[in-house]
C-alpha atoms as a PDB file:
ATOM      1  CA  MET A   1      22.754 -25.616  11.749  1.00  0.00           C
ATOM      2  CA  PHE A   2      21.648 -21.908  12.410  1.00  0.00           C
ATOM      3  CA  GLU A   3      23.746 -22.034  15.982  1.00  0.00           C
ATOM      4  CA  LEU A   4      26.762 -23.120  13.587  1.00  0.00           C
ATOM      5  CA  LEU A   5      26.287 -19.388  12.024  1.00  0.00           C
ATOM      6  CA  GLY A   6      25.420 -17.907  14.889  1.00  0.00           C
ATOM      7  CA  ILE A   7      22.392 -17.167  14.189  1.00  0.00           C
ATOM      8  CA  THR A   8      19.571 -18.531  17.183  1.00  0.00           C
ATOM      9  CA  PRO A   9      16.274 -19.797  16.491  1.00  0.00           C
ATOM     10  CA  GLN A  10      14.787 -16.754  18.295  1.00  0.00           C
ATOM     11  CA  ALA A  11      16.382 -14.204  15.940  1.00  0.00           C
ATOM     12  CA  LEU A  12      15.422 -15.937  12.855  1.00  0.00           C
ATOM     13  CA  THR A  13      11.497 -16.243  14.020  1.00  0.00           C
ATOM     14  CA  ALA A  14      11.949 -12.514  15.029  1.00  0.00           C
ATOM     15  CA  GLN A  15      13.090 -11.212  11.406  1.00  0.00           C
ATOM     16  CA  LEU A  16      10.587 -13.846   9.586  1.00  0.00           C
ATOM     17  CA  LEU A  17       8.147 -11.561  11.638  1.00  0.00           C
ATOM     18  CA  ILE A  18       9.507  -8.359  11.018  1.00  0.00           C
ATOM     19  CA  GLY A  19       9.613  -9.581   7.215  1.00  0.00           C
ATOM     20  CA  LEU A  20       6.053 -10.754   6.896  1.00  0.00           C
ATOM     21  CA  ILE A  21       4.881  -7.623   8.592  1.00  0.00           C
ATOM     22  CA  ASN A  22       6.613  -5.309   5.836  1.00  0.00           C
ATOM     23  CA  GLY A  23       5.385  -7.502   3.362  1.00  0.00           C
ATOM     24  CA  SER A  24       1.856  -7.606   4.780  1.00  0.00           C
ATOM     25  CA  PHE A  25       2.191  -3.621   3.663  1.00  0.00           C
ATOM     26  CA  TYR A  26       4.242  -4.094   0.451  1.00  0.00           C
ATOM     27  CA  ALA A  27       1.373  -6.574  -0.581  1.00  0.00           C
ATOM     28  CA  LEU A  28      -1.472  -3.553   0.673  1.00  0.00           C
ATOM     29  CA  LEU A  29       0.528  -1.103  -1.484  1.00  0.00           C
ATOM     30  CA  SER A  30       1.127  -2.741  -4.137  1.00  0.00           C
ATOM     31  CA  LEU A  31      -2.417  -4.232  -4.317  1.00  0.00           C
ATOM     32  CA  GLY A  32      -3.783  -0.919  -4.916  1.00  0.00           C
ATOM     33  CA  LEU A  33      -0.714  -0.031  -7.470  1.00  0.00           C
ATOM     34  CA  ALA A  34      -1.844  -3.086  -9.871  1.00  0.00           C
ATOM     35  CA  VAL A  35      -5.404  -2.274  -9.369  1.00  0.00           C
ATOM     36  CA  ILE A  36      -5.557   1.314 -10.857  1.00  0.00           C
ATOM     37  CA  PHE A  37      -2.555   0.422 -13.543  1.00  0.00           C
ATOM     38  CA  GLY A  38      -4.462  -3.053 -14.570  1.00  0.00           C
ATOM     39  CA  LEU A  39      -7.820  -1.840 -14.685  1.00  0.00           C
ATOM     40  CA  LEU A  40      -7.102   1.885 -15.646  1.00  0.00           C
ATOM     41  CA  ASN A  41      -3.607   1.751 -17.324  1.00  0.00           C
ATOM     42  CA  VAL A  42      -2.002   4.981 -14.851  1.00  0.00           C
ATOM     43  CA  ILE A  43       0.844   4.492 -13.211  1.00  0.00           C
ATOM     44  CA  ASN A  44      -0.078   6.404  -9.751  1.00  0.00           C
ATOM     45  CA  PHE A  45       3.045   8.058  -8.147  1.00  0.00           C
ATOM     46  CA  THR A  46       1.178   9.705  -5.769  1.00  0.00           C
ATOM     47  CA  HIS A  47       0.439   6.292  -3.827  1.00  0.00           C
ATOM     48  CA  GLY A  48       3.132   7.106  -1.556  1.00  0.00           C
ATOM     49  CA  ALA A  49       1.566  10.452  -0.847  1.00  0.00           C
ATOM     50  CA  GLN A  50      -1.976   8.747  -0.629  1.00  0.00           C
ATOM     51  CA  TYR A  51      -0.173   6.056   1.990  1.00  0.00           C
ATOM     52  CA  MET A  52       1.199   9.126   4.145  1.00  0.00           C
ATOM     53  CA  LEU A  53      -2.044  10.465   3.949  1.00  0.00           C
ATOM     54  CA  GLY A  54      -3.745   8.023   5.863  1.00  0.00           C
ATOM     55  CA  ALA A  55      -0.737   7.904   8.549  1.00  0.00           C
ATOM     56  CA  MET A  56      -1.066  11.632   8.986  1.00  0.00           C
ATOM     57  CA  PHE A  57      -4.898  11.768   8.698  1.00  0.00           C
ATOM     58  CA  ALA A  58      -5.157   9.217  11.611  1.00  0.00           C
ATOM     59  CA  TRP A  59      -2.520  11.033  13.908  1.00  0.00           C
ATOM     60  CA  ILE A  60      -4.207  14.341  13.110  1.00  0.00           C
ATOM     61  CA  GLY A  61      -7.643  12.703  14.226  1.00  0.00           C
ATOM     62  CA  LEU A  62      -6.077  11.378  17.433  1.00  0.00           C
ATOM     63  CA  THR A  63      -3.788  14.968  18.544  1.00  0.00           C
ATOM     64  CA  GLN A  64      -4.853  17.849  16.780  1.00  0.00           C
ATOM     65  CA  LEU A  65      -8.891  17.208  15.843  1.00  0.00           C
ATOM     66  CA  GLY A  66     -10.421  17.540  19.393  1.00  0.00           C
ATOM     67  CA  GLY A  67      -8.387  20.999  19.373  1.00  0.00           C
ATOM     68  CA  TRP A  68      -9.989  21.982  16.013  1.00  0.00           C
ATOM     69  CA  ILE A  69     -13.652  21.746  17.197  1.00  0.00           C
ATOM     70  CA  GLY A  70     -13.547  22.872  20.791  1.00  0.00           C
ATOM     71  CA  MET A  71     -12.959  19.977  22.607  1.00  0.00           C
ATOM     72  CA  PRO A  72      -9.798  19.263  23.873  1.00  0.00           C
ATOM     73  CA  GLU A  73     -10.286  15.993  25.415  1.00  0.00           C
ATOM     74  CA  PHE A  74     -11.594  14.324  22.457  1.00  0.00           C
ATOM     75  CA  GLN A  75      -9.783  11.629  20.312  1.00  0.00           C
ATOM     76  CA  LEU A  76     -10.473   9.663  17.038  1.00  0.00           C
ATOM     77  CA  ASN A  77     -10.498   6.340  17.875  1.00  0.00           C
ATOM     78  CA  TYR A  78      -8.199   3.668  15.836  1.00  0.00           C
ATOM     79  CA  PHE A  79     -10.816   1.631  14.343  1.00  0.00           C
ATOM     80  CA  VAL A  80     -12.894   4.750  13.272  1.00  0.00           C
ATOM     81  CA  ALA A  81      -9.779   6.287  11.515  1.00  0.00           C
ATOM     82  CA  LEU A  82      -9.214   2.831   9.846  1.00  0.00           C
ATOM     83  CA  ILE A  83     -12.552   3.686   8.108  1.00  0.00           C
ATOM     84  CA  LEU A  84     -12.596   7.069   7.660  1.00  0.00           C
ATOM     85  CA  ALA A  85      -9.159   7.897   6.595  1.00  0.00           C
ATOM     86  CA  PRO A  86      -9.208   5.834   3.567  1.00  0.00           C
ATOM     87  CA  LEU A  87     -12.748   7.356   2.868  1.00  0.00           C
ATOM     88  CA  LEU A  88     -11.480  10.967   2.439  1.00  0.00           C
ATOM     89  CA  VAL A  89      -8.808   9.840   0.929  1.00  0.00           C
ATOM     90  CA  GLY A  90     -10.387   7.932  -1.846  1.00  0.00           C
ATOM     91  CA  ALA A  91     -12.758  10.988  -2.161  1.00  0.00           C
ATOM     92  CA  MET A  92      -9.810  13.375  -2.481  1.00  0.00           C
ATOM     93  CA  SER A  93      -8.644  10.807  -4.901  1.00  0.00           C
ATOM     94  CA  ILE A  94     -11.980  10.945  -7.148  1.00  0.00           C
ATOM     95  CA  VAL A  95     -11.684  14.622  -7.185  1.00  0.00           C
ATOM     96  CA  ILE A  96      -8.105  13.878  -8.628  1.00  0.00           C
ATOM     97  CA  GLU A  97      -9.198  11.678 -11.252  1.00  0.00           C
ATOM     98  CA  LYS A  98     -11.951  13.432 -12.870  1.00  0.00           C
ATOM     99  CA  THR A  99     -10.317  17.103 -12.505  1.00  0.00           C
ATOM    100  CA  MET A 100      -7.047  15.968 -13.670  1.00  0.00           C
ATOM    101  CA  LEU A 101      -6.455  12.261 -14.502  1.00  0.00           C
ATOM    102  CA  LYS A 102      -9.334  11.718 -16.893  1.00  0.00           C
ATOM    103  CA  ARG A 103      -8.047  14.398 -19.248  1.00  0.00           C
ATOM    104  CA  LEU A 104      -4.889  12.231 -19.596  1.00  0.00           C
ATOM    105  CA  TYR A 105      -6.073   8.792 -20.719  1.00  0.00           C
ATOM    106  CA  HIS A 106      -5.653   9.179 -24.201  1.00  0.00           C
ATOM    107  CA  LEU A 107      -2.537  10.483 -23.943  1.00  0.00           C
ATOM    108  CA  ASP A 108       1.129   8.362 -23.128  1.00  0.00           C
ATOM    109  CA  HIS A 109       1.373   6.532 -20.050  1.00  0.00           C
ATOM    110  CA  LEU A 110       4.403   9.215 -19.611  1.00  0.00           C
ATOM    111  CA  TYR A 111       2.015  12.010 -18.775  1.00  0.00           C
ATOM    112  CA  GLY A 112      -0.022  10.510 -16.178  1.00  0.00           C
ATOM    113  CA  LEU A 113       3.241   9.255 -14.532  1.00  0.00           C
ATOM    114  CA  LEU A 114       4.515  12.783 -14.656  1.00  0.00           C
ATOM    115  CA  LEU A 115       1.128  14.187 -13.192  1.00  0.00           C
ATOM    116  CA  THR A 116       0.871  12.203 -10.349  1.00  0.00           C
ATOM    117  CA  PHE A 117       4.755  12.292  -9.633  1.00  0.00           C
ATOM    118  CA  GLY A 118       3.876  16.230  -9.481  1.00  0.00           C
ATOM    119  CA  LEU A 119       0.832  15.835  -7.371  1.00  0.00           C
ATOM    120  CA  ALA A 120       2.924  13.584  -5.030  1.00  0.00           C
ATOM    121  CA  LEU A 121       6.049  16.262  -4.296  1.00  0.00           C
ATOM    122  CA  VAL A 122       2.658  18.752  -3.805  1.00  0.00           C
ATOM    123  CA  ILE A 123       1.112  16.716  -1.331  1.00  0.00           C
ATOM    124  CA  GLU A 124       4.221  15.745   0.661  1.00  0.00           C
ATOM    125  CA  GLY A 125       5.740  19.844   0.327  1.00  0.00           C
ATOM    126  CA  LEU A 126       2.508  20.915   1.881  1.00  0.00           C
ATOM    127  CA  PHE A 127       2.570  18.324   5.189  1.00  0.00           C
ATOM    128  CA  ARG A 128       6.043  18.995   5.400  1.00  0.00           C
ATOM    129  CA  HIS A 129       5.914  22.812   5.518  1.00  0.00           C
ATOM    130  CA  TRP A 130       2.616  22.080   7.984  1.00  0.00           C
ATOM    131  CA  TYR A 131       3.865  19.544  10.196  1.00  0.00           C
ATOM    132  CA  GLY A 132       7.984  19.373   9.793  1.00  0.00           C
ATOM    133  CA  ALA A 133       9.757  16.318   8.714  1.00  0.00           C
ATOM    134  CA  LEU A 134      10.138  15.285  12.304  1.00  0.00           C
ATOM    135  CA  GLY A 135       8.382  11.707  13.181  1.00  0.00           C
ATOM    136  CA  ASN A 136       4.945  11.534  15.167  1.00  0.00           C
ATOM    137  CA  SER A 137       4.250   8.677  17.192  1.00  0.00           C
ATOM    138  CA  TYR A 138       0.840   7.200  16.729  1.00  0.00           C
ATOM    139  CA  GLU A 139      -0.149   5.157  20.098  1.00  0.00           C
ATOM    140  CA  VAL A 140      -1.683   1.434  19.624  1.00  0.00           C
ATOM    141  CA  PRO A 141      -5.045   0.976  20.481  1.00  0.00           C
ATOM    142  CA  GLU A 142      -6.044  -0.225  23.902  1.00  0.00           C
ATOM    143  CA  VAL A 143      -7.106  -3.530  23.157  1.00  0.00           C
ATOM    144  CA  LEU A 144      -4.670  -4.553  20.852  1.00  0.00           C
ATOM    145  CA  THR A 145      -1.680  -3.290  23.150  1.00  0.00           C
ATOM    146  CA  GLY A 146       0.300  -6.598  24.928  1.00  0.00           C
ATOM    147  CA  GLY A 147       1.119  -9.460  23.399  1.00  0.00           C
ATOM    148  CA  LEU A 148       2.275 -13.450  23.380  1.00  0.00           C
ATOM    149  CA  ARG A 149       5.212 -15.424  24.058  1.00  0.00           C
ATOM    150  CA  ALA A 150       6.035 -18.093  21.612  1.00  0.00           C
ATOM    151  CA  ALA A 151       8.604 -20.281  20.454  1.00  0.00           C
ATOM    152  CA  GLY A 152      11.167 -18.316  22.893  1.00  0.00           C
ATOM    153  CA  ILE A 153      10.053 -14.635  21.433  1.00  0.00           C
ATOM    154  CA  TYR A 154       7.404 -11.971  21.610  1.00  0.00           C
ATOM    155  CA  LEU A 155       5.050 -11.606  19.547  1.00  0.00           C
ATOM    156  CA  PRO A 156       3.086  -8.498  19.943  1.00  0.00           C
ATOM    157  CA  TYR A 157      -1.102  -8.567  19.288  1.00  0.00           C
ATOM    158  CA  TYR A 158      -1.328  -5.355  17.036  1.00  0.00           C
ATOM    159  CA  ARG A 159       1.440  -6.744  14.706  1.00  0.00           C
ATOM    160  CA  LEU A 160      -0.212 -10.167  13.933  1.00  0.00           C
ATOM    161  CA  TRP A 161      -3.417  -8.172  13.808  1.00  0.00           C
ATOM    162  CA  VAL A 162      -1.888  -5.719  10.861  1.00  0.00           C
ATOM    163  CA  VAL A 163      -0.575  -9.414   9.083  1.00  0.00           C
ATOM    164  CA  ALA A 164      -3.933 -10.730   9.692  1.00  0.00           C
ATOM    165  CA  LEU A 165      -5.985  -7.789   8.450  1.00  0.00           C
ATOM    166  CA  ALA A 166      -3.704  -7.089   5.610  1.00  0.00           C
ATOM    167  CA  LEU A 167      -4.446 -10.983   4.253  1.00  0.00           C
ATOM    168  CA  ILE A 168      -8.070 -10.749   4.901  1.00  0.00           C
ATOM    169  CA  VAL A 169      -8.301  -7.045   2.765  1.00  0.00           C
ATOM    170  CA  CYS A 170      -5.932  -8.480   0.027  1.00  0.00           C
ATOM    171  CA  PHE A 171      -8.012 -11.493  -0.272  1.00  0.00           C
ATOM    172  CA  ALA A 172     -11.155 -10.021  -0.457  1.00  0.00           C
ATOM    173  CA  THR A 173      -9.702  -7.766  -3.274  1.00  0.00           C
ATOM    174  CA  TRP A 174      -8.757 -10.287  -5.564  1.00  0.00           C
ATOM    175  CA  TYR A 175     -12.082 -12.278  -4.956  1.00  0.00           C
ATOM    176  CA  PHE A 176     -13.872  -8.925  -5.840  1.00  0.00           C
ATOM    177  CA  ILE A 177     -12.357  -8.484  -8.785  1.00  0.00           C
ATOM    178  CA  GLU A 178     -11.300 -12.279 -10.151  1.00  0.00           C
ATOM    179  CA  ARG A 179     -14.760 -13.702  -9.009  1.00  0.00           C
ATOM    180  CA  THR A 180     -17.662 -11.062  -8.878  1.00  0.00           C
ATOM    181  CA  LYS A 181     -19.585  -9.675 -11.522  1.00  0.00           C
ATOM    182  CA  LEU A 182     -18.992  -6.103 -10.725  1.00  0.00           C
ATOM    183  CA  GLY A 183     -15.358  -7.396 -10.876  1.00  0.00           C
ATOM    184  CA  SER A 184     -15.773  -8.811 -14.477  1.00  0.00           C
ATOM    185  CA  LEU A 185     -17.010  -5.688 -15.689  1.00  0.00           C
ATOM    186  CA  LEU A 186     -14.416  -4.098 -14.297  1.00  0.00           C
ATOM    187  CA  ARG A 187     -11.873  -6.018 -16.070  1.00  0.00           C
ATOM    188  CA  ALA A 188     -13.843  -5.580 -19.106  1.00  0.00           C
ATOM    189  CA  GLY A 189     -13.564  -2.186 -18.777  1.00  0.00           C
ATOM    190  CA  THR A 190     -10.157  -2.099 -19.317  1.00  0.00           C
ATOM    191  CA  GLU A 191     -10.585  -4.675 -22.631  1.00  0.00           C
ATOM    192  CA  ASN A 192     -13.194  -2.849 -24.549  1.00  0.00           C
ATOM    193  CA  PRO A 193     -14.792   0.161 -23.120  1.00  0.00           C
ATOM    194  CA  ARG A 194     -17.059   1.039 -25.634  1.00  0.00           C
ATOM    195  CA  LEU A 195     -18.356  -2.285 -25.879  1.00  0.00           C
ATOM    196  CA  LEU A 196     -19.411  -1.936 -22.839  1.00  0.00           C
ATOM    197  CA  GLN A 197     -20.669   1.185 -22.431  1.00  0.00           C
ATOM    198  CA  ALA A 198     -23.027   0.321 -25.444  1.00  0.00           C
ATOM    199  CA  LEU A 199     -24.437  -2.176 -23.659  1.00  0.00           C
ATOM    200  CA  GLY A 200     -25.496   0.412 -20.811  1.00  0.00           C
ATOM    201  CA  VAL A 201     -22.759   0.530 -18.128  1.00  0.00           C
ATOM    202  CA  ASN A 202     -21.179   3.456 -16.771  1.00  0.00           C
ATOM    203  CA  VAL A 203     -17.938   2.848 -17.541  1.00  0.00           C
ATOM    204  CA  PRO A 204     -16.204   6.633 -16.672  1.00  0.00           C
ATOM    205  CA  LEU A 205     -18.067   6.009 -13.336  1.00  0.00           C
ATOM    206  CA  ILE A 206     -16.449   2.334 -12.704  1.00  0.00           C
ATOM    207  CA  ILE A 207     -12.993   3.932 -13.856  1.00  0.00           C
ATOM    208  CA  THR A 208     -13.594   7.012 -10.831  1.00  0.00           C
ATOM    209  CA  LEU A 209     -14.628   4.559  -8.192  1.00  0.00           C
ATOM    210  CA  THR A 210     -11.676   1.780  -9.216  1.00  0.00           C
ATOM    211  CA  TYR A 211      -9.375   4.723  -8.904  1.00  0.00           C
ATOM    212  CA  GLY A 212     -10.508   6.032  -5.583  1.00  0.00           C
ATOM    213  CA  ALA A 213     -10.449   2.648  -4.572  1.00  0.00           C
ATOM    214  CA  GLY A 214      -6.962   1.586  -5.249  1.00  0.00           C
ATOM    215  CA  CYS A 215      -5.807   5.098  -3.460  1.00  0.00           C
ATOM    216  CA  ALA A 216      -8.165   4.066  -0.357  1.00  0.00           C
ATOM    217  CA  LEU A 217      -6.232   0.878   0.012  1.00  0.00           C
ATOM    218  CA  ALA A 218      -2.869   2.963   0.325  1.00  0.00           C
ATOM    219  CA  ALA A 219      -4.507   5.086   3.129  1.00  0.00           C
ATOM    220  CA  PHE A 220      -5.695   2.262   4.538  1.00  0.00           C
ATOM    221  CA  ALA A 221      -2.362   0.504   4.943  1.00  0.00           C
ATOM    222  CA  GLY A 222      -1.062   3.972   5.884  1.00  0.00           C
ATOM    223  CA  VAL A 223      -3.349   3.910   8.892  1.00  0.00           C
ATOM    224  CA  MET A 224      -2.383   0.544  10.019  1.00  0.00           C
ATOM    225  CA  ALA A 225       1.175   1.485   9.853  1.00  0.00           C
ATOM    226  CA  ALA A 226       0.786   4.449  12.330  1.00  0.00           C
ATOM    227  CA  PRO A 227       1.195   2.676  15.026  1.00  0.00           C
ATOM    228  CA  ILE A 228       4.816   0.709  14.172  1.00  0.00           C
ATOM    229  CA  TYR A 229       6.017   3.609  12.091  1.00  0.00           C
ATOM    230  CA  GLN A 230       6.452   7.047  12.942  1.00  0.00           C
ATOM    231  CA  VAL A 231       4.076   9.364  11.128  1.00  0.00           C
ATOM    232  CA  THR A 232       6.113  11.632   9.200  1.00  0.00           C
ATOM    233  CA  ALA A 233       5.705  13.402   5.790  1.00  0.00           C
ATOM    234  CA  VAL A 234       8.194  11.542   3.682  1.00  0.00           C
ATOM    235  CA  MET A 235       7.053   8.265   5.239  1.00  0.00           C
ATOM    236  CA  GLY A 236       5.322   7.917   1.878  1.00  0.00           C
ATOM    237  CA  SER A 237       8.258   8.692  -0.405  1.00  0.00           C
ATOM    238  CA  ASN A 238      10.629   6.486   1.648  1.00  0.00           C
ATOM    239  CA  LEU A 239       8.461   3.207   0.285  1.00  0.00           C
ATOM    240  CA  ILE A 240       7.281   3.932  -2.654  1.00  0.00           C
ATOM    241  CA  ILE A 241      10.048   2.606  -4.665  1.00  0.00           C
ATOM    242  CA  VAL A 242      10.298  -1.006  -3.135  1.00  0.00           C
ATOM    243  CA  VAL A 243       6.520  -0.844  -3.981  1.00  0.00           C
ATOM    244  CA  PHE A 244       7.190  -0.464  -6.961  1.00  0.00           C
ATOM    245  CA  ALA A 245       9.791  -2.673  -7.398  1.00  0.00           C
ATOM    246  CA  VAL A 246       7.518  -5.441  -5.917  1.00  0.00           C
ATOM    247  CA  VAL A 247       4.758  -4.673  -8.559  1.00  0.00           C
ATOM    248  CA  VAL A 248       7.111  -4.658 -11.402  1.00  0.00           C
ATOM    249  CA  ILE A 249       8.532  -8.518  -9.788  1.00  0.00           C
ATOM    250  CA  GLY A 250       4.779  -9.638  -9.743  1.00  0.00           C
ATOM    251  CA  GLY A 251       3.793  -8.628 -12.781  1.00  0.00           C
ATOM    252  CA  MET A 252       2.244  -5.029 -13.840  1.00  0.00           C
ATOM    253  CA  GLY A 253      -1.620  -4.958 -13.023  1.00  0.00           C
ATOM    254  CA  SER A 254      -1.618  -8.504 -11.583  1.00  0.00           C
ATOM    255  CA  ILE A 255      -3.611  -8.754  -8.377  1.00  0.00           C
ATOM    256  CA  ALA A 256      -2.433 -12.249  -7.393  1.00  0.00           C
ATOM    257  CA  GLY A 257       0.993 -11.462  -7.975  1.00  0.00           C
ATOM    258  CA  SER A 258       1.005  -8.070  -6.180  1.00  0.00           C
ATOM    259  CA  ILE A 259      -0.183  -9.809  -3.118  1.00  0.00           C
ATOM    260  CA  LEU A 260       2.050 -12.928  -3.376  1.00  0.00           C
ATOM    261  CA  THR A 261       4.885 -11.053  -4.238  1.00  0.00           C
ATOM    262  CA  GLY A 262       4.683  -8.293  -1.754  1.00  0.00           C
ATOM    263  CA  LEU A 263       4.339 -10.591   1.001  1.00  0.00           C
ATOM    264  CA  GLY A 264       6.802 -13.189  -0.304  1.00  0.00           C
ATOM    265  CA  LEU A 265       9.745 -10.231  -0.769  1.00  0.00           C
ATOM    266  CA  GLY A 266       9.011  -9.046   2.957  1.00  0.00           C
ATOM    267  CA  VAL A 267       9.909 -12.451   4.052  1.00  0.00           C
ATOM    268  CA  VAL A 268      13.102 -12.649   1.938  1.00  0.00           C
ATOM    269  CA  GLU A 269      14.046  -8.937   2.926  1.00  0.00           C
ATOM    270  CA  GLY A 270      14.006 -10.068   6.784  1.00  0.00           C
ATOM    271  CA  LEU A 271      15.904 -13.474   5.914  1.00  0.00           C
ATOM    272  CA  THR A 272      18.398 -11.522   4.331  1.00  0.00           C
ATOM    273  CA  LYS A 273      18.825  -9.179   7.339  1.00  0.00           C
ATOM    274  CA  VAL A 274      19.379 -12.146   9.667  1.00  0.00           C
ATOM    275  CA  PHE A 275      22.432 -13.735   7.054  1.00  0.00           C
ATOM    276  CA  TYR A 276      23.631 -10.613   5.345  1.00  0.00           C
ATOM    277  CA  PRO A 277      22.248  -7.448   6.462  1.00  0.00           C
ATOM    278  CA  GLN A 278      24.559  -5.428   4.307  1.00  0.00           C
ATOM    279  CA  ALA A 279      22.478  -6.478   1.614  1.00  0.00           C
ATOM    280  CA  SER A 280      19.284  -5.976   3.168  1.00  0.00           C
ATOM    281  CA  SER A 281      18.320  -2.696   1.302  1.00  0.00           C
ATOM    282  CA  VAL A 282      18.787  -3.728  -1.967  1.00  0.00           C
ATOM    283  CA  SER A 283      17.950  -7.267  -1.685  1.00  0.00           C
ATOM    284  CA  ILE A 284      14.287  -6.557  -3.754  1.00  0.00           C
ATOM    285  CA  PHE A 285      16.364  -4.465  -6.308  1.00  0.00           C
ATOM    286  CA  VAL A 286      18.843  -7.324  -7.137  1.00  0.00           C
ATOM    287  CA  ILE A 287      15.978  -9.727  -7.592  1.00  0.00           C
ATOM    288  CA  MET A 288      13.811  -7.297  -9.657  1.00  0.00           C
ATOM    289  CA  ILE A 289      17.102  -7.187 -12.154  1.00  0.00           C
ATOM    290  CA  ILE A 290      17.033 -11.000 -11.931  1.00  0.00           C
ATOM    291  CA  VAL A 291      13.530 -11.495 -13.183  1.00  0.00           C
ATOM    292  CA  LEU A 292      13.173  -8.476 -15.304  1.00  0.00           C
ATOM    293  CA  LEU A 293      16.391 -10.241 -17.362  1.00  0.00           C
ATOM    294  CA  ILE A 294      14.512 -14.010 -17.195  1.00  0.00           C
ATOM    295  CA  LYS A 295      10.908 -12.712 -17.543  1.00  0.00           C
ATOM    296  CA  PRO A 296      10.227  -9.080 -18.514  1.00  0.00           C
ATOM    297  CA  ALA A 297       6.648  -9.029 -17.898  1.00  0.00           C
ATOM    298  CA  GLY A 298       7.079 -10.193 -14.358  1.00  0.00           C
ATOM    299  CA  LEU A 299       6.570 -13.213 -12.441  1.00  0.00           C
ATOM    300  CA  PHE A 300       2.562 -13.676 -12.740  1.00  0.00           C
ATOM    301  CA  GLY A 301       2.407 -10.319 -15.513  1.00  0.00           C
ATOM    302  CA  LYS A 302       1.674 -10.741 -19.133  1.00  0.00           C
ATOM    303  CA  VAL A 303       2.759  -9.142 -22.024  1.00  0.00           C
ATOM    304  CA  ARG A 304       0.893  -6.575 -23.406  1.00  0.00           C
END
């Protein structure tokens, strides 16, 4: 049937894989946004910059860190960067939360949005000044080079790794928040923080760690994206608008909604490139408009 439309099964399968890869990044990024908004009620516009920081720190560790420490041949391993970069970005985010964001919790959401938007511009501007706006390549780790052929198409091992790891991290985050005791404390802290604090729970610490963890997820996605996309200072700003649309469609604050919607919309975007390429860049936003007209809270969201 697809041959009648001029579409080969190989092309369709390839676009589905690309859509699934993009959907994995959408899911990870929107998951971090949903965690922060759902538990802290903060619209974190620095998320795109933190995604860029993850990729940039991994690239710096691979290409420049050796020169900084006087060991030109030293390179930071990809798998080490996959741990260290999110930890570093998470620690930086905790400093931001403790010094800036905590002063805005009692104010309208707009103030938090403006602050994080301004921070994103500052971070992006600094890295554009230091490293320019041109793309930098990051090598695929040797153990994940190559691929396999299936159904007439070539499947790179690294892209399969990205999809599998993203699914594991998304499920683990959902399980932690929805099915563990600490996750129940996080959710309770958003409903009635004063009561929870009266029971001896350190609510400010929970809030701080939650913000740091949500930002670390963005950096984690950035490290995984580095070998696939060009590492640039503007890579986050090019993606964050789409991710916000994914969060709105799934429902602001919905963990499961962000994961399922991110993966699903990535696949839809890939299929759109096959059947109507001109609409691929706006397909997600068209879906967002339709969903908001039918269900303003999003597919999995609840009216607050």
